[in-house]
Amino acid sequence: MDQNETLQFMSSLLEVSCLELFEKFGCEVTFLDEVPLDVTDMPMAVVDAGNADFESSLYVHIPFSVLSVTFPIRHQKEDFGEAELEDWVCEIANRILGRLKNKLALYSCPIKTGLPEYYLGTGEGYEVSNISETLDYYFELAGEVCKVTLAIELFTDHINFIENPNYEYVVEDGDIDYLQ
């Protein structure tokens, strides 16, 4: 695939990854056209990933109100606070990237991922990646607008995504998989 086809392919995989995860939260998910969204005070997690062919950063902006209604143990622990929600937005970013990683592995494109970092909006320590291409997604989840961005830099003009029929990597949500 050339660079434009690669970006379109990655875009479709990211969109499916987001939809699959957010539908598991039991909330209606609607993808939106680009909307003006002030992320200044919105929780955000950033996770880096890549391989020899590309480098990327995943940015996930989700309001505290959405984090609260999707927090997995909200019915068991009523006194959770901001620290737990900060961890939760990082976990959501990890899960989106994990789904994307599994989808890329189906096409013989393994990637390595970093650990998520938390920021409050565009506060101190937050720096937008200067990576060349960005894929922005806006969606409504639990009545609020959220944003997911994949910033990606391609190191080659052509990437081969070869479907791997023998790949059977299945891990359920919440499972821990130890790789050797």
Foldseek 3Di string as FASTA:
>chain_A
DFPVVVVVVLLVQLVVLLVVVLVVLVWDKFWDDDDDDQQQQFKKKKKWKDDPFKTKIKIKTDHPVLLQSSVPCCVPDVPDDDVSSNVSNQVSSVSSVVSSQLVQVQQVGHMDMDGMDMDRGCDPPDDDDPAPDKDKIWMATPNDIIIMMMRMHGPDRDDGRHGDPPDDDDDDPPDDDDDD
